[in-house]
Protein backbone atom coordinates (compact mmCIF):
# COMPACT_ATOMS: atom_id res chain seq x y z
CA MET A 1 108.19 70.88 48.82
CA GLU A 2 111.56 70.98 47.04
CA LYS A 3 112.10 67.25 47.61
CA MET A 4 108.63 66.59 46.21
CA LYS A 5 109.42 68.69 43.12
CA GLU A 6 112.71 66.84 42.61
CA GLU A 7 110.96 63.47 42.82
CA LEU A 8 108.24 64.62 40.45
CA ALA A 9 110.85 65.90 37.99
CA GLU A 10 112.42 62.45 38.04
CA LEU A 11 109.05 60.84 37.28
CA LEU A 12 108.56 63.30 34.42
CA GLU A 13 112.06 62.51 33.12
CA VAL A 14 113.38 66.08 33.33
CA ASP A 15 116.09 67.79 35.38
CA GLU A 16 113.84 70.41 36.95
CA ILE A 17 110.24 71.56 36.87
CA LYS A 18 108.36 74.81 37.38
CA GLU A 19 104.94 75.02 38.96
CA ASN A 20 103.40 76.75 35.93
CA GLU A 21 104.44 74.03 33.47
CA VAL A 22 101.58 72.16 31.81
CA LEU A 23 101.69 68.44 32.54
CA ALA A 24 100.54 67.43 29.06
CA ASP A 25 103.52 69.30 27.57
CA PHE A 26 106.04 66.87 29.06
CA GLU A 27 107.34 64.45 26.43
CA CYS A 28 106.78 61.42 28.67
CA TRP A 29 103.21 62.40 29.68
CA ASP A 30 100.90 59.45 29.11
CA SER A 31 98.63 57.11 31.07
CA LEU A 32 101.61 55.15 32.40
CA THR A 33 103.11 58.34 33.83
CA VAL A 34 99.78 59.13 35.49
CA LEU A 35 99.78 55.68 37.10
CA SER A 36 103.38 56.17 38.22
CA ILE A 37 102.44 59.48 39.87
CA ILE A 38 99.47 57.83 41.61
CA ALA A 39 101.72 55.06 42.98
CA TRP A 40 104.44 57.55 43.99
CA ALA A 41 101.94 59.74 45.87
CA SER A 42 100.54 56.75 47.71
CA GLU A 43 103.88 55.15 48.61
CA ASN A 44 105.75 58.31 49.57
CA TYR A 45 103.09 60.69 50.84
CA GLY A 46 100.16 58.48 51.84
CA LYS A 47 97.89 60.32 49.39
CA THR A 48 95.27 58.54 47.33
CA LEU A 49 94.93 60.18 43.94
CA LEU A 50 92.62 59.27 41.10
CA ALA A 51 93.72 59.42 37.46
CA LYS A 52 90.92 61.91 36.88
CA ASP A 53 92.34 64.22 39.57
CA VAL A 54 95.88 64.00 38.20
CA ASN A 55 94.70 64.81 34.67
CA GLU A 56 92.50 67.67 35.90
CA ALA A 57 95.44 69.21 37.78
CA LYS A 58 96.73 70.49 34.40
CA THR A 59 99.98 72.00 35.79
CA VAL A 60 102.85 70.94 38.03
CA GLY A 61 101.55 73.39 40.65
CA GLY A 62 98.07 71.91 40.43
CA LEU A 63 99.48 68.44 40.94
CA LEU A 64 101.58 69.54 43.90
CA ALA A 65 98.48 71.15 45.44
CA LEU A 66 96.80 67.72 45.43
CA LEU A 67 99.63 66.40 47.58
CA LYS A 68 99.44 69.06 50.31
């Protein structure tokens, strides 16, 4: 899980993330970031995510829960 959080922090262009942080509050959060997360989840974890699911996750913890 720590490796996943580190990779996600890199995608969100920050040094570290907390599970209660709201995704929309990240400065880089936009549709391109959502697509990057979808591609990252597929390539690295074999998970198929929809943009709708990523946006509905709301928080870092919610997003990580989609990847479990």
